[in-house]
Each structure stands twice: as structure tokens, then as C-alpha cells.
């Protein structure tokens, strides 16, 4: 954490809080999109299939938002504990440019790429 000044840490904190608020707002807006498709609606088979596909995409998007919200929470806790900016895997520093683009990033680029190739 010594790579950041107190002013920078406060700026990061405010940025994470803003991201958290945006994600919560998006989650609130997508609640209706993930409801099950009513099979009793008098629509055609293709329209129903389209509706089910849209529902599936909305559920996937919502899940990704929930994951990102969790990551923001973990990043805020890391700020409090003094571990912000350290990779959760290798414990090395996360590139500040990466954190600038996605401040909740839990992994350095090397570990992130390794996880993506494994999974």
C-alpha cells in the first residue's frame, strides 16, 4: 500500500464507492428482466424463445454485476486493511494502470491471465 499517498487512497475509495453505487443502481433496474417468462402469454413460439433468451442474458449480466459488486466490497476492505493493490494470488503489486482502469481488480495481470487460461 505504500505505493499510494493518503490523497490517492481517498480518491480510490471515492471511486470505488461511486462504482458500487452505479452497480447497485443497475441491479435495481434489471430486477424485472430476470423474472421467469410467463408460458401462458399468448405469444408465438419464436417470440417466447426470444423472451427466454433475453431472460437468460439478463440473468448472466446480473450475475456479472453481482460478482463485480463483491469485488468492489473486497477492494474497499483491502483499503481498510492496508492490502489494496496487492494481488490476492501471488501477493505482488497490481499495476497502477490496471487499478486505474478497474479499481476492484483482485489479481495482477499475470495471475489473471493464468486463471483465464486454466478456466
PDB file of N, CA and C in Angstrom:
ATOM      1  N   UNK A   1       0.820  -1.189   0.000  1.00  0.00           N
ATOM      2  CA  UNK A   1       0.000   0.000   0.000  1.00  0.00           C
ATOM      3  C   UNK A   1       0.860   1.246   0.000  1.00  0.00           C
ATOM      4  N   UNK A   2       2.110   1.127   0.271  1.00  0.00           N
ATOM      5  CA  UNK A   2       2.989   2.285   0.344  1.00  0.00           C
ATOM      6  C   UNK A   2       3.151   2.971  -1.008  1.00  0.00           C
ATOM      7  N   UNK A   3       2.679   2.335  -2.073  1.00  0.00           N
ATOM      8  CA  UNK A   3       2.806   2.948  -3.387  1.00  0.00           C
ATOM      9  C   UNK A   3       1.815   4.102  -3.582  1.00  0.00           C
ATOM     10  N   UNK A   4       0.883   4.299  -2.629  1.00  0.00           N
ATOM     11  CA  UNK A   4      -0.136   5.334  -2.752  1.00  0.00           C
ATOM     12  C   UNK A   4      -0.050   6.326  -1.599  1.00  0.00           C
ATOM     13  N   UNK A   5      -0.306   7.578  -1.908  1.00  0.00           N
ATOM     14  CA  UNK A   5      -0.391   8.594  -0.858  1.00  0.00           C
ATOM     15  C   UNK A   5      -1.784   8.525  -0.233  1.00  0.00           C
ATOM     16  N   UNK A   6      -1.951   9.191   0.907  1.00  0.00           N
ATOM     17  CA  UNK A   6      -3.264   9.221   1.549  1.00  0.00           C
ATOM     18  C   UNK A   6      -4.310   9.857   0.639  1.00  0.00           C
ATOM     19  N   UNK A   7      -3.920  10.882  -0.109  1.00  0.00           N
ATOM     20  CA  UNK A   7      -4.848  11.533  -1.035  1.00  0.00           C
ATOM     21  C   UNK A   7      -5.271  10.572  -2.151  1.00  0.00           C
ATOM     22  N   UNK A   8      -4.312   9.814  -2.656  1.00  0.00           N
ATOM     23  CA  UNK A   8      -4.626   8.844  -3.701  1.00  0.00           C
ATOM     24  C   UNK A   8      -5.549   7.742  -3.168  1.00  0.00           C
ATOM     25  N   UNK A   9      -5.282   7.303  -1.952  1.00  0.00           N
ATOM     26  CA  UNK A   9      -6.123   6.270  -1.353  1.00  0.00           C
ATOM     27  C   UNK A   9      -7.553   6.764  -1.169  1.00  0.00           C
ATOM     28  N   UNK A  10      -7.701   8.008  -0.761  1.00  0.00           N
ATOM     29  CA  UNK A  10      -9.050   8.567  -0.599  1.00  0.00           C
ATOM     30  C   UNK A  10      -9.742   8.705  -1.953  1.00  0.00           C
ATOM     31  N   UNK A  11      -8.982   9.067  -2.969  1.00  0.00           N
ATOM     32  CA  UNK A  11      -9.544   9.155  -4.323  1.00  0.00           C
ATOM     33  C   UNK A  11      -9.984   7.765  -4.814  1.00  0.00           C
ATOM     34  N   UNK A  12      -9.181   6.762  -4.536  1.00  0.00           N
ATOM     35  CA  UNK A  12      -9.528   5.389  -4.902  1.00  0.00           C
ATOM     36  C   UNK A  12     -10.793   4.966  -4.161  1.00  0.00           C
ATOM     37  N   UNK A  13     -10.857   5.272  -2.865  1.00  0.00           N
ATOM     38  CA  UNK A  13     -12.026   4.923  -2.057  1.00  0.00           C
ATOM     39  C   UNK A  13     -13.292   5.557  -2.637  1.00  0.00           C
ATOM     40  N   UNK A  14     -13.223   6.840  -2.965  1.00  0.00           N
ATOM     41  CA  UNK A  14     -14.387   7.526  -3.522  1.00  0.00           C
ATOM     42  C   UNK A  14     -14.777   6.943  -4.881  1.00  0.00           C
ATOM     43  N   UNK A  15     -13.779   6.574  -5.667  1.00  0.00           N
ATOM     44  CA  UNK A  15     -14.050   5.941  -6.958  1.00  0.00           C
ATOM     45  C   UNK A  15     -14.748   4.596  -6.792  1.00  0.00           C
ATOM     46  N   UNK A  16     -14.282   3.805  -5.835  1.00  0.00           N
ATOM     47  CA  UNK A  16     -14.906   2.503  -5.562  1.00  0.00           C
ATOM     48  C   UNK A  16     -16.334   2.678  -5.044  1.00  0.00           C
ATOM     49  N   UNK A  17     -16.547   3.669  -4.212  1.00  0.00           N
ATOM     50  CA  UNK A  17     -17.898   3.935  -3.698  1.00  0.00           C
ATOM     51  C   UNK A  17     -18.821   4.342  -4.837  1.00  0.00           C
ATOM     52  N   UNK A  18     -18.302   5.119  -5.778  1.00  0.00           N
ATOM     53  CA  UNK A  18     -19.107   5.522  -6.938  1.00  0.00           C
ATOM     54  C   UNK A  18     -19.434   4.317  -7.823  1.00  0.00           C
ATOM     55  N   UNK A  19     -18.459   3.437  -8.044  1.00  0.00           N
ATOM     56  CA  UNK A  19     -18.691   2.221  -8.829  1.00  0.00           C
ATOM     57  C   UNK A  19     -19.743   1.358  -8.123  1.00  0.00           C
ATOM     58  N   UNK A  20     -19.617   1.236  -6.817  1.00  0.00           N
ATOM     59  CA  UNK A  20     -20.573   0.454  -6.036  1.00  0.00           C
ATOM     60  C   UNK A  20     -21.996   1.002  -6.206  1.00  0.00           C
ATOM     61  N   UNK A  21     -22.139   2.310  -6.147  1.00  0.00           N
ATOM     62  CA  UNK A  21     -23.462   2.929  -6.307  1.00  0.00           C
ATOM     63  C   UNK A  21     -24.026   2.687  -7.707  1.00  0.00           C
ATOM     64  N   UNK A  22     -23.170   2.785  -8.736  1.00  0.00           N
ATOM     65  CA  UNK A  22     -23.641   2.532 -10.109  1.00  0.00           C
ATOM     66  C   UNK A  22     -24.084   1.088 -10.293  1.00  0.00           C
ATOM     67  N   UNK A  23     -23.325   0.161  -9.730  1.00  0.00           N
ATOM     68  CA  UNK A  23     -23.679  -1.251  -9.855  1.00  0.00           C
ATOM     69  C   UNK A  23     -24.998  -1.527  -9.145  1.00  0.00           C
ATOM     70  N   UNK A  24     -25.170  -0.985  -7.951  1.00  0.00           N
ATOM     71  CA  UNK A  24     -26.421  -1.182  -7.219  1.00  0.00           C
ATOM     72  C   UNK A  24     -27.601  -0.613  -7.997  1.00  0.00           C
ATOM     73  N   UNK A  25     -27.404   0.531  -8.632  1.00  0.00           N
ATOM     74  CA  UNK A  25     -28.473   1.114  -9.443  1.00  0.00           C
ATOM     75  C   UNK A  25     -28.810   0.214 -10.625  1.00  0.00           C
ATOM     76  N   UNK A  26     -27.786  -0.308 -11.289  1.00  0.00           N
ATOM     77  CA  UNK A  26     -28.021  -1.225 -12.411  1.00  0.00           C
ATOM     78  C   UNK A  26     -28.733  -2.492 -11.961  1.00  0.00           C
ATOM     79  N   UNK A  27     -28.345  -3.014 -10.815  1.00  0.00           N
ATOM     80  CA  UNK A  27     -29.003  -4.210 -10.294  1.00  0.00           C
ATOM     81  C   UNK A  27     -30.477  -3.934 -10.011  1.00  0.00           C
ATOM     82  N   UNK A  28     -30.762  -2.750  -9.511  1.00  0.00           N
ATOM     83  CA  UNK A  28     -32.148  -2.373  -9.259  1.00  0.00           C
ATOM     84  C   UNK A  28     -32.960  -2.275 -10.538  1.00  0.00           C
ATOM     85  N   UNK A  29     -32.321  -1.840 -11.605  1.00  0.00           N
ATOM     86  CA  UNK A  29     -33.005  -1.682 -12.886  1.00  0.00           C
ATOM     87  C   UNK A  29     -33.232  -3.020 -13.591  1.00  0.00           C
ATOM     88  N   UNK A  30     -32.427  -4.015 -13.296  1.00  0.00           N
ATOM     89  CA  UNK A  30     -32.509  -5.284 -14.027  1.00  0.00           C
ATOM     90  C   UNK A  30     -33.348  -6.338 -13.326  1.00  0.00           C
ATOM     91  N   UNK A  31     -33.932  -6.009 -12.186  1.00  0.00           N
ATOM     92  CA  UNK A  31     -34.699  -6.996 -11.434  1.00  0.00           C
ATOM     93  C   UNK A  31     -35.815  -7.595 -12.277  1.00  0.00           C
ATOM     94  N   UNK A  32     -36.570  -6.781 -12.971  1.00  0.00           N
ATOM     95  CA  UNK A  32     -37.685  -7.275 -13.768  1.00  0.00           C
ATOM     96  C   UNK A  32     -37.262  -8.086 -14.975  1.00  0.00           C
ATOM     97  N   UNK A  33     -36.106  -7.813 -15.513  1.00  0.00           N
ATOM     98  CA  UNK A  33     -35.633  -8.508 -16.715  1.00  0.00           C
ATOM     99  C   UNK A  33     -35.302  -9.974 -16.465  1.00  0.00           C
ATOM    100  N   UNK A  34     -35.101 -10.337 -15.210  1.00  0.00           N
ATOM    101  CA  UNK A  34     -34.680 -11.704 -14.911  1.00  0.00           C
ATOM    102  C   UNK A  34     -35.835 -12.586 -14.444  1.00  0.00           C
ATOM    103  N   UNK A  35     -37.022 -12.039 -14.387  1.00  0.00           N
ATOM    104  CA  UNK A  35     -38.186 -12.851 -13.987  1.00  0.00           C
ATOM    105  C   UNK A  35     -38.431 -13.948 -15.012  1.00  0.00           C
ATOM    106  N   UNK A  36     -38.976 -15.068 -14.547  1.00  0.00           N
ATOM    107  CA  UNK A  36     -39.282 -16.158 -15.494  1.00  0.00           C
ATOM    108  C   UNK A  36     -40.277 -15.702 -16.563  1.00  0.00           C
ATOM    109  N   UNK A  37     -40.121 -16.250 -17.738  1.00  0.00           N
ATOM    110  CA  UNK A  37     -41.023 -15.947 -18.844  1.00  0.00           C
ATOM    111  C   UNK A  37     -42.347 -16.666 -18.586  1.00  0.00           C
ATOM    112  N   UNK A  38     -43.442 -15.931 -18.674  1.00  0.00           N
ATOM    113  CA  UNK A  38     -44.772 -16.496 -18.463  1.00  0.00           C
ATOM    114  C   UNK A  38     -45.140 -17.343 -19.677  1.00  0.00           C
ATOM    115  N   UNK A  39     -45.236 -18.640 -19.467  1.00  0.00           N
ATOM    116  CA  UNK A  39     -45.537 -19.559 -20.569  1.00  0.00           C
ATOM    117  C   UNK A  39     -46.990 -19.478 -21.012  1.00  0.00           C
ATOM    118  N   UNK A  40     -47.824 -18.791 -20.244  1.00  0.00           N
ATOM    119  CA  UNK A  40     -49.238 -18.649 -20.581  1.00  0.00           C
ATOM    120  C   UNK A  40     -49.515 -17.427 -21.458  1.00  0.00           C
ATOM    121  N   UNK A  41     -48.493 -16.598 -21.681  1.00  0.00           N
ATOM    122  CA  UNK A  41     -48.696 -15.420 -22.530  1.00  0.00           C
ATOM    123  C   UNK A  41     -49.045 -15.860 -23.950  1.00  0.00           C
ATOM    124  N   UNK A  42     -50.022 -15.189 -24.558  1.00  0.00           N
ATOM    125  CA  UNK A  42     -50.413 -15.571 -25.923  1.00  0.00           C
ATOM    126  C   UNK A  42     -49.467 -14.983 -26.971  1.00  0.00           C
ATOM    127  N   UNK A  43     -48.244 -15.485 -26.966  1.00  0.00           N
ATOM    128  CA  UNK A  43     -47.274 -15.045 -27.974  1.00  0.00           C
ATOM    129  C   UNK A  43     -46.803 -16.277 -28.731  1.00  0.00           C
ATOM    130  N   UNK A  44     -46.239 -16.051 -29.871  1.00  0.00           N
ATOM    131  CA  UNK A  44     -45.770 -17.165 -30.695  1.00  0.00           C
ATOM    132  C   UNK A  44     -44.588 -17.883 -30.071  1.00  0.00           C
ATOM    133  N   UNK A  45     -44.323 -19.064 -30.604  1.00  0.00           N
ATOM    134  CA  UNK A  45     -43.230 -19.898 -30.098  1.00  0.00           C
ATOM    135  C   UNK A  45     -41.883 -19.191 -30.230  1.00  0.00           C
ATOM    136  N   UNK A  46     -41.645 -18.521 -31.371  1.00  0.00           N
ATOM    137  CA  UNK A  46     -40.369 -17.823 -31.567  1.00  0.00           C
ATOM    138  C   UNK A  46     -40.247 -16.623 -30.641  1.00  0.00           C
ATOM    139  N   UNK A  47     -41.349 -15.918 -30.440  1.00  0.00           N
ATOM    140  CA  UNK A  47     -41.319 -14.780 -29.517  1.00  0.00           C
ATOM    141  C   UNK A  47     -41.024 -15.254 -28.104  1.00  0.00           C
ATOM    142  N   UNK A  48     -41.591 -16.378 -27.718  1.00  0.00           N
ATOM    143  CA  UNK A  48     -41.337 -16.934 -26.384  1.00  0.00           C
ATOM    144  C   UNK A  48     -39.870 -17.351 -26.274  1.00  0.00           C
ATOM    145  N   UNK A  49     -39.339 -17.967 -27.318  1.00  0.00           N
ATOM    146  CA  UNK A  49     -37.921 -18.365 -27.310  1.00  0.00           C
ATOM    147  C   UNK A  49     -37.026 -17.136 -27.210  1.00  0.00           C
ATOM    148  N   UNK A  50     -37.380 -16.071 -27.926  1.00  0.00           N
ATOM    149  CA  UNK A  50     -36.622 -14.817 -27.828  1.00  0.00           C
ATOM    150  C   UNK A  50     -36.687 -14.260 -26.413  1.00  0.00           C
ATOM    151  N   UNK A  51     -37.888 -14.291 -25.818  1.00  0.00           N
ATOM    152  CA  UNK A  51     -38.055 -13.783 -24.457  1.00  0.00           C
ATOM    153  C   UNK A  51     -37.216 -14.596 -23.471  1.00  0.00           C
ATOM    154  N   UNK A  52     -37.170 -15.911 -23.665  1.00  0.00           N
ATOM    155  CA  UNK A  52     -36.379 -16.760 -22.775  1.00  0.00           C
ATOM    156  C   UNK A  52     -34.881 -16.510 -22.966  1.00  0.00           C
ATOM    157  N   UNK A  53     -34.475 -16.265 -24.205  1.00  0.00           N
ATOM    158  CA  UNK A  53     -33.068 -15.947 -24.452  1.00  0.00           C
ATOM    159  C   UNK A  53     -32.698 -14.613 -23.809  1.00  0.00           C
ATOM    160  N   UNK A  54     -33.574 -13.624 -23.931  1.00  0.00           N
ATOM    161  CA  UNK A  54     -33.328 -12.312 -23.316  1.00  0.00           C
ATOM    162  C   UNK A  54     -33.259 -12.454 -21.789  1.00  0.00           C
ATOM    163  N   UNK A  55     -34.127 -13.282 -21.231  1.00  0.00           N
ATOM    164  CA  UNK A  55     -34.112 -13.514 -19.794  1.00  0.00           C
ATOM    165  C   UNK A  55     -32.776 -14.134 -19.373  1.00  0.00           C
ATOM    166  N   UNK A  56     -32.302 -15.109 -20.136  1.00  0.00           N
ATOM    167  CA  UNK A  56     -31.028 -15.753 -19.832  1.00  0.00           C
ATOM    168  C   UNK A  56     -29.861 -14.780 -19.888  1.00  0.00           C
ATOM    169  N   UNK A  57     -29.883 -13.911 -20.889  1.00  0.00           N
ATOM    170  CA  UNK A  57     -28.810 -12.907 -20.995  1.00  0.00           C
ATOM    171  C   UNK A  57     -28.891 -11.923 -19.832  1.00  0.00           C
ATOM    172  N   UNK A  58     -30.101 -11.528 -19.449  1.00  0.00           N
ATOM    173  CA  UNK A  58     -30.269 -10.604 -18.324  1.00  0.00           C
ATOM    174  C   UNK A  58     -29.772 -11.244 -17.032  1.00  0.00           C
ATOM    175  N   UNK A  59     -30.048 -12.541 -16.852  1.00  0.00           N
ATOM    176  CA  UNK A  59     -29.579 -13.232 -15.656  1.00  0.00           C
ATOM    177  C   UNK A  59     -28.050 -13.305 -15.627  1.00  0.00           C
ATOM    178  N   UNK A  60     -27.444 -13.566 -16.776  1.00  0.00           N
ATOM    179  CA  UNK A  60     -25.988 -13.621 -16.847  1.00  0.00           C
ATOM    180  C   UNK A  60     -25.377 -12.239 -16.553  1.00  0.00           C
ATOM    181  N   UNK A  61     -25.949 -11.201 -17.143  1.00  0.00           N
ATOM    182  CA  UNK A  61     -25.455  -9.844 -16.893  1.00  0.00           C
ATOM    183  C   UNK A  61     -25.601  -9.473 -15.426  1.00  0.00           C
ATOM    184  N   UNK A  62     -26.725  -9.849 -14.849  1.00  0.00           N
ATOM    185  CA  UNK A  62     -26.962  -9.552 -13.437  1.00  0.00           C
ATOM    186  C   UNK A  62     -25.929 -10.272 -12.569  1.00  0.00           C
ATOM    187  N   UNK A  63     -25.644 -11.523 -12.884  1.00  0.00           N
ATOM    188  CA  UNK A  63     -24.657 -12.275 -12.112  1.00  0.00           C
ATOM    189  C   UNK A  63     -23.274 -11.628 -12.203  1.00  0.00           C
ATOM    190  N   UNK A  64     -22.927 -11.149 -13.379  1.00  0.00           N
ATOM    191  CA  UNK A  64     -21.633 -10.477 -13.540  1.00  0.00           C
ATOM    192  C   UNK A  64     -21.583  -9.186 -12.715  1.00  0.00           C
ATOM    193  N   UNK A  65     -22.698  -8.463 -12.675  1.00  0.00           N
ATOM    194  CA  UNK A  65     -22.764  -7.258 -11.849  1.00  0.00           C
ATOM    195  C   UNK A  65     -22.622  -7.615 -10.366  1.00  0.00           C
ATOM    196  N   UNK A  66     -23.250  -8.707  -9.944  1.00  0.00           N
ATOM    197  CA  UNK A  66     -23.149  -9.135  -8.551  1.00  0.00           C
ATOM    198  C   UNK A  66     -21.712  -9.504  -8.191  1.00  0.00           C
ATOM    199  N   UNK A  67     -21.021 -10.173  -9.108  1.00  0.00           N
ATOM    200  CA  UNK A  67     -19.620 -10.531  -8.881  1.00  0.00           C
ATOM    201  C   UNK A  67     -18.777  -9.270  -8.765  1.00  0.00           C
ATOM    202  N   UNK A  68     -19.007  -8.325  -9.654  1.00  0.00           N
ATOM    203  CA  UNK A  68     -18.236  -7.079  -9.610  1.00  0.00           C
ATOM    204  C   UNK A  68     -18.525  -6.318  -8.321  1.00  0.00           C
ATOM    205  N   UNK A  69     -19.764  -6.328  -7.870  1.00  0.00           N
ATOM    206  CA  UNK A  69     -20.112  -5.670  -6.614  1.00  0.00           C
ATOM    207  C   UNK A  69     -19.365  -6.308  -5.450  1.00  0.00           C
ATOM    208  N   UNK A  70     -19.250  -7.624  -5.453  1.00  0.00           N
ATOM    209  CA  UNK A  70     -18.477  -8.311  -4.416  1.00  0.00           C
ATOM    210  C   UNK A  70     -17.011  -7.897  -4.473  1.00  0.00           C
ATOM    211  N   UNK A  71     -16.467  -7.794  -5.682  1.00  0.00           N
ATOM    212  CA  UNK A  71     -15.071  -7.394  -5.839  1.00  0.00           C
ATOM    213  C   UNK A  71     -14.849  -5.975  -5.311  1.00  0.00           C
ATOM    214  N   UNK A  72     -15.804  -5.088  -5.545  1.00  0.00           N
ATOM    215  CA  UNK A  72     -15.696  -3.722  -5.025  1.00  0.00           C
ATOM    216  C   UNK A  72     -15.680  -3.756  -3.500  1.00  0.00           C
ATOM    217  N   UNK A  73     -16.542  -4.571  -2.910  1.00  0.00           N
ATOM    218  CA  UNK A  73     -16.557  -4.694  -1.452  1.00  0.00           C
ATOM    219  C   UNK A  73     -15.235  -5.205  -0.905  1.00  0.00           C
ATOM    220  N   UNK A  74     -14.661  -6.187  -1.581  1.00  0.00           N
ATOM    221  CA  UNK A  74     -13.362  -6.730  -1.164  1.00  0.00           C
ATOM    222  C   UNK A  74     -12.275  -5.663  -1.307  1.00  0.00           C
ATOM    223  N   UNK A  75     -12.330  -4.887  -2.379  1.00  0.00           N
ATOM    224  CA  UNK A  75     -11.334  -3.824  -2.583  1.00  0.00           C
ATOM    225  C   UNK A  75     -11.444  -2.756  -1.495  1.00  0.00           C
ATOM    226  N   UNK A  76     -12.669  -2.411  -1.100  1.00  0.00           N
ATOM    227  CA  UNK A  76     -12.845  -1.429  -0.021  1.00  0.00           C
ATOM    228  C   UNK A  76     -12.285  -1.968   1.298  1.00  0.00           C
ATOM    229  N   UNK A  77     -12.503  -3.252   1.562  1.00  0.00           N
ATOM    230  CA  UNK A  77     -11.936  -3.861   2.771  1.00  0.00           C
ATOM    231  C   UNK A  77     -10.410  -3.881   2.703  1.00  0.00           C
ATOM    232  N   UNK A  78      -9.865  -4.132   1.503  1.00  0.00           N
ATOM    233  CA  UNK A  78      -8.407  -4.137   1.340  1.00  0.00           C
ATOM    234  C   UNK A  78      -7.835  -2.746   1.605  1.00  0.00           C
ATOM    235  N   UNK A  79      -8.569  -1.717   1.214  1.00  0.00           N
ATOM    236  CA  UNK A  79      -8.127  -0.354   1.529  1.00  0.00           C
ATOM    237  C   UNK A  79      -8.036  -0.164   3.040  1.00  0.00           C
ATOM    238  N   UNK A  80      -9.050  -0.651   3.756  1.00  0.00           N
ATOM    239  CA  UNK A  80      -9.068  -0.517   5.212  1.00  0.00           C
ATOM    240  C   UNK A  80      -7.972  -1.312   5.891  1.00  0.00           C
ATOM    241  N   UNK A  81      -7.651  -2.474   5.332  1.00  0.00           N
ATOM    242  CA  UNK A  81      -6.653  -3.339   5.963  1.00  0.00           C
ATOM    243  C   UNK A  81      -5.223  -3.043   5.520  1.00  0.00           C
ATOM    244  N   UNK A  82      -5.080  -2.173   4.506  1.00  0.00           N
ATOM    245  CA  UNK A  82      -3.739  -1.831   4.039  1.00  0.00           C
ATOM    246  C   UNK A  82      -3.172  -2.774   3.000  1.00  0.00           C
ATOM    247  N   UNK A  83      -4.022  -3.619   2.410  1.00  0.00           N
ATOM    248  CA  UNK A  83      -3.534  -4.564   1.412  1.00  0.00           C
ATOM    249  C   UNK A  83      -3.977  -4.205  -0.004  1.00  0.00           C
ATOM    250  N   UNK A  84      -4.602  -3.058  -0.181  1.00  0.00           N
ATOM    251  CA  UNK A  84      -5.077  -2.673  -1.507  1.00  0.00           C
ATOM    252  C   UNK A  84      -3.893  -2.542  -2.462  1.00  0.00           C
ATOM    253  N   UNK A  85      -4.063  -3.080  -3.662  1.00  0.00           N
ATOM    254  CA  UNK A  85      -3.017  -3.002  -4.677  1.00  0.00           C
ATOM    255  C   UNK A  85      -2.125  -4.223  -4.713  1.00  0.00           C
ATOM    256  N   UNK A  86      -2.394  -5.188  -3.827  1.00  0.00           N
ATOM    257  CA  UNK A  86      -1.631  -6.434  -3.810  1.00  0.00           C
ATOM    258  C   UNK A  86      -2.476  -7.542  -4.419  1.00  0.00           C
ATOM    259  N   UNK A  87      -1.866  -8.340  -5.258  1.00  0.00           N
ATOM    260  CA  UNK A  87      -2.544  -9.460  -5.899  1.00  0.00           C
ATOM    261  C   UNK A  87      -2.962 -10.474  -4.836  1.00  0.00           C
ATOM    262  N   UNK A  88      -4.195 -10.923  -4.910  1.00  0.00           N
ATOM    263  CA  UNK A  88      -4.699 -11.890  -3.927  1.00  0.00           C
ATOM    264  C   UNK A  88      -4.094 -13.272  -4.136  1.00  0.00           C
ATOM    265  N   UNK A  89      -3.450 -13.498  -5.274  1.00  0.00           N
ATOM    266  CA  UNK A  89      -2.850 -14.799  -5.543  1.00  0.00           C
ATOM    267  C   UNK A  89      -1.359 -14.810  -5.206  1.00  0.00           C
ATOM    268  N   UNK A  90      -0.593 -13.981  -5.893  1.00  0.00           N
ATOM    269  CA  UNK A  90       0.865 -14.010  -5.730  1.00  0.00           C
ATOM    270  C   UNK A  90       1.377 -12.993  -4.710  1.00  0.00           C
ATOM    271  N   UNK A  91       0.486 -12.126  -4.244  1.00  0.00           N
ATOM    272  CA  UNK A  91       0.806 -11.082  -3.255  1.00  0.00           C
ATOM    273  C   UNK A  91       1.696  -9.976  -3.804  1.00  0.00           C
ATOM    274  N   UNK A  92       2.015 -10.027  -5.096  1.00  0.00           N
ATOM    275  CA  UNK A  92       2.797  -8.968  -5.722  1.00  0.00           C
ATOM    276  C   UNK A  92       1.928  -7.748  -5.997  1.00  0.00           C
ATOM    277  N   UNK A  93       2.566  -6.651  -6.397  1.00  0.00           N
ATOM    278  CA  UNK A  93       1.785  -5.443  -6.672  1.00  0.00           C
ATOM    279  C   UNK A  93       0.987  -5.566  -7.974  1.00  0.00           C
ATOM    280  N   UNK A  94      -0.205  -4.984  -7.953  1.00  0.00           N
ATOM    281  CA  UNK A  94      -1.021  -4.900  -9.163  1.00  0.00           C
ATOM    282  C   UNK A  94      -0.661  -3.584  -9.835  1.00  0.00           C
ATOM    283  N   UNK A  95      -0.432  -3.623 -11.128  1.00  0.00           N
ATOM    284  CA  UNK A  95      -0.049  -2.437 -11.885  1.00  0.00           C
ATOM    285  C   UNK A  95      -1.050  -1.309 -11.637  1.00  0.00           C
ATOM    286  N   UNK A  96      -0.585  -0.119 -11.254  1.00  0.00           N
ATOM    287  CA  UNK A  96      -1.494   1.005 -11.006  1.00  0.00           C
ATOM    288  C   UNK A  96      -2.377   1.353 -12.211  1.00  0.00           C
ATOM    289  N   UNK A  97      -1.869   1.133 -13.428  1.00  0.00           N
ATOM    290  CA  UNK A  97      -2.702   1.401 -14.609  1.00  0.00           C
ATOM    291  C   UNK A  97      -3.883   0.440 -14.666  1.00  0.00           C
ATOM    292  N   UNK A  98      -3.658  -0.803 -14.261  1.00  0.00           N
ATOM    293  CA  UNK A  98      -4.747  -1.778 -14.211  1.00  0.00           C
ATOM    294  C   UNK A  98      -5.778  -1.349 -13.173  1.00  0.00           C
ATOM    295  N   UNK A  99      -5.305  -0.934 -12.007  1.00  0.00           N
ATOM    296  CA  UNK A  99      -6.212  -0.494 -10.955  1.00  0.00           C
ATOM    297  C   UNK A  99      -6.927   0.803 -11.332  1.00  0.00           C
ATOM    298  N   UNK A 100      -6.279   1.615 -12.126  1.00  0.00           N
ATOM    299  CA  UNK A 100      -6.923   2.850 -12.581  1.00  0.00           C
ATOM    300  C   UNK A 100      -8.102   2.523 -13.490  1.00  0.00           C
ATOM    301  N   UNK A 101      -7.922   1.514 -14.336  1.00  0.00           N
ATOM    302  CA  UNK A 101      -8.989   1.122 -15.262  1.00  0.00           C
ATOM    303  C   UNK A 101     -10.085   0.334 -14.551  1.00  0.00           C
ATOM    304  N   UNK A 102      -9.697  -0.511 -13.615  1.00  0.00           N
ATOM    305  CA  UNK A 102     -10.665  -1.359 -12.898  1.00  0.00           C
ATOM    306  C   UNK A 102     -10.190  -1.450 -11.448  1.00  0.00           C
ATOM    307  N   UNK A 103     -10.577  -0.473 -10.624  1.00  0.00           N
ATOM    308  CA  UNK A 103     -10.007  -0.375  -9.271  1.00  0.00           C
ATOM    309  C   UNK A 103     -10.305  -1.557  -8.357  1.00  0.00           C
ATOM    310  N   UNK A 104     -11.267  -2.395  -8.721  1.00  0.00           N
ATOM    311  CA  UNK A 104     -11.589  -3.548  -7.882  1.00  0.00           C
ATOM    312  C   UNK A 104     -10.845  -4.812  -8.296  1.00  0.00           C
ATOM    313  N   UNK A 105      -9.913  -4.702  -9.234  1.00  0.00           N
ATOM    314  CA  UNK A 105      -9.174  -5.877  -9.720  1.00  0.00           C
ATOM    315  C   UNK A 105      -8.468  -6.585  -8.565  1.00  0.00           C
ATOM    316  N   UNK A 106      -8.759  -7.874  -8.368  1.00  0.00           N
ATOM    317  CA  UNK A 106      -8.128  -8.585  -7.257  1.00  0.00           C
ATOM    318  C   UNK A 106      -6.793  -9.231  -7.613  1.00  0.00           C
ATOM    319  N   UNK A 107      -6.486  -9.302  -8.917  1.00  0.00           N
ATOM    320  CA  UNK A 107      -5.288 -10.013  -9.346  1.00  0.00           C
ATOM    321  C   UNK A 107      -4.431  -9.157 -10.260  1.00  0.00           C
ATOM    322  N   UNK A 108      -3.125  -9.418 -10.230  1.00  0.00           N
ATOM    323  CA  UNK A 108      -2.227  -8.799 -11.191  1.00  0.00           C
ATOM    324  C   UNK A 108      -2.529  -9.394 -12.564  1.00  0.00           C
ATOM    325  N   UNK A 109      -2.043  -8.787 -13.598  1.00  0.00           N
ATOM    326  CA  UNK A 109      -2.367  -9.237 -14.954  1.00  0.00           C
ATOM    327  C   UNK A 109      -1.839 -10.652 -15.212  1.00  0.00           C
ATOM    328  N   UNK A 110      -0.683 -10.986 -14.674  1.00  0.00           N
ATOM    329  CA  UNK A 110      -0.122 -12.324 -14.877  1.00  0.00           C
ATOM    330  C   UNK A 110      -0.995 -13.403 -14.268  1.00  0.00           C
ATOM    331  N   UNK A 111      -1.441 -13.195 -13.039  1.00  0.00           N
ATOM    332  CA  UNK A 111      -2.302 -14.185 -12.385  1.00  0.00           C
ATOM    333  C   UNK A 111      -3.669 -14.235 -13.055  1.00  0.00           C
ATOM    334  N   UNK A 112      -4.191 -13.082 -13.462  1.00  0.00           N
ATOM    335  CA  UNK A 112      -5.486 -13.057 -14.145  1.00  0.00           C
ATOM    336  C   UNK A 112      -5.417 -13.866 -15.444  1.00  0.00           C
ATOM    337  N   UNK A 113      -4.363 -13.656 -16.219  1.00  0.00           N
ATOM    338  CA  UNK A 113      -4.206 -14.409 -17.468  1.00  0.00           C
ATOM    339  C   UNK A 113      -4.067 -15.902 -17.195  1.00  0.00           C
ATOM    340  N   UNK A 114      -3.349 -16.268 -16.144  1.00  0.00           N
ATOM    341  CA  UNK A 114      -3.197 -17.688 -15.805  1.00  0.00           C
ATOM    342  C   UNK A 114      -4.544 -18.302 -15.443  1.00  0.00           C
ATOM    343  N   UNK A 115      -5.364 -17.576 -14.684  1.00  0.00           N
ATOM    344  CA  UNK A 115      -6.692 -18.088 -14.322  1.00  0.00           C
ATOM    345  C   UNK A 115      -7.567 -18.232 -15.537  1.00  0.00           C
ATOM    346  N   UNK A 116      -7.491 -17.297 -16.455  1.00  0.00           N
ATOM    347  CA  UNK A 116      -8.320 -17.349 -17.660  1.00  0.00           C
ATOM    348  C   UNK A 116      -7.914 -18.515 -18.560  1.00  0.00           C
ATOM    349  N   UNK A 117      -6.628 -18.822 -18.619  1.00  0.00           N
ATOM    350  CA  UNK A 117      -6.180 -19.945 -19.442  1.00  0.00           C
ATOM    351  C   UNK A 117      -6.547 -21.285 -18.807  1.00  0.00           C
ATOM    352  N   UNK A 118      -6.568 -21.335 -17.474  1.00  0.00           N
ATOM    353  CA  UNK A 118      -6.948 -22.559 -16.784  1.00  0.00           C
ATOM    354  C   UNK A 118      -8.431 -22.834 -16.918  1.00  0.00           C
ATOM    355  N   UNK A 119      -9.248 -21.795 -16.769  1.00  0.00           N
ATOM    356  CA  UNK A 119     -10.695 -21.975 -16.722  1.00  0.00           C
ATOM    357  C   UNK A 119     -11.323 -21.745 -18.018  1.00  0.00           C
TER     358      UNK A 119
END
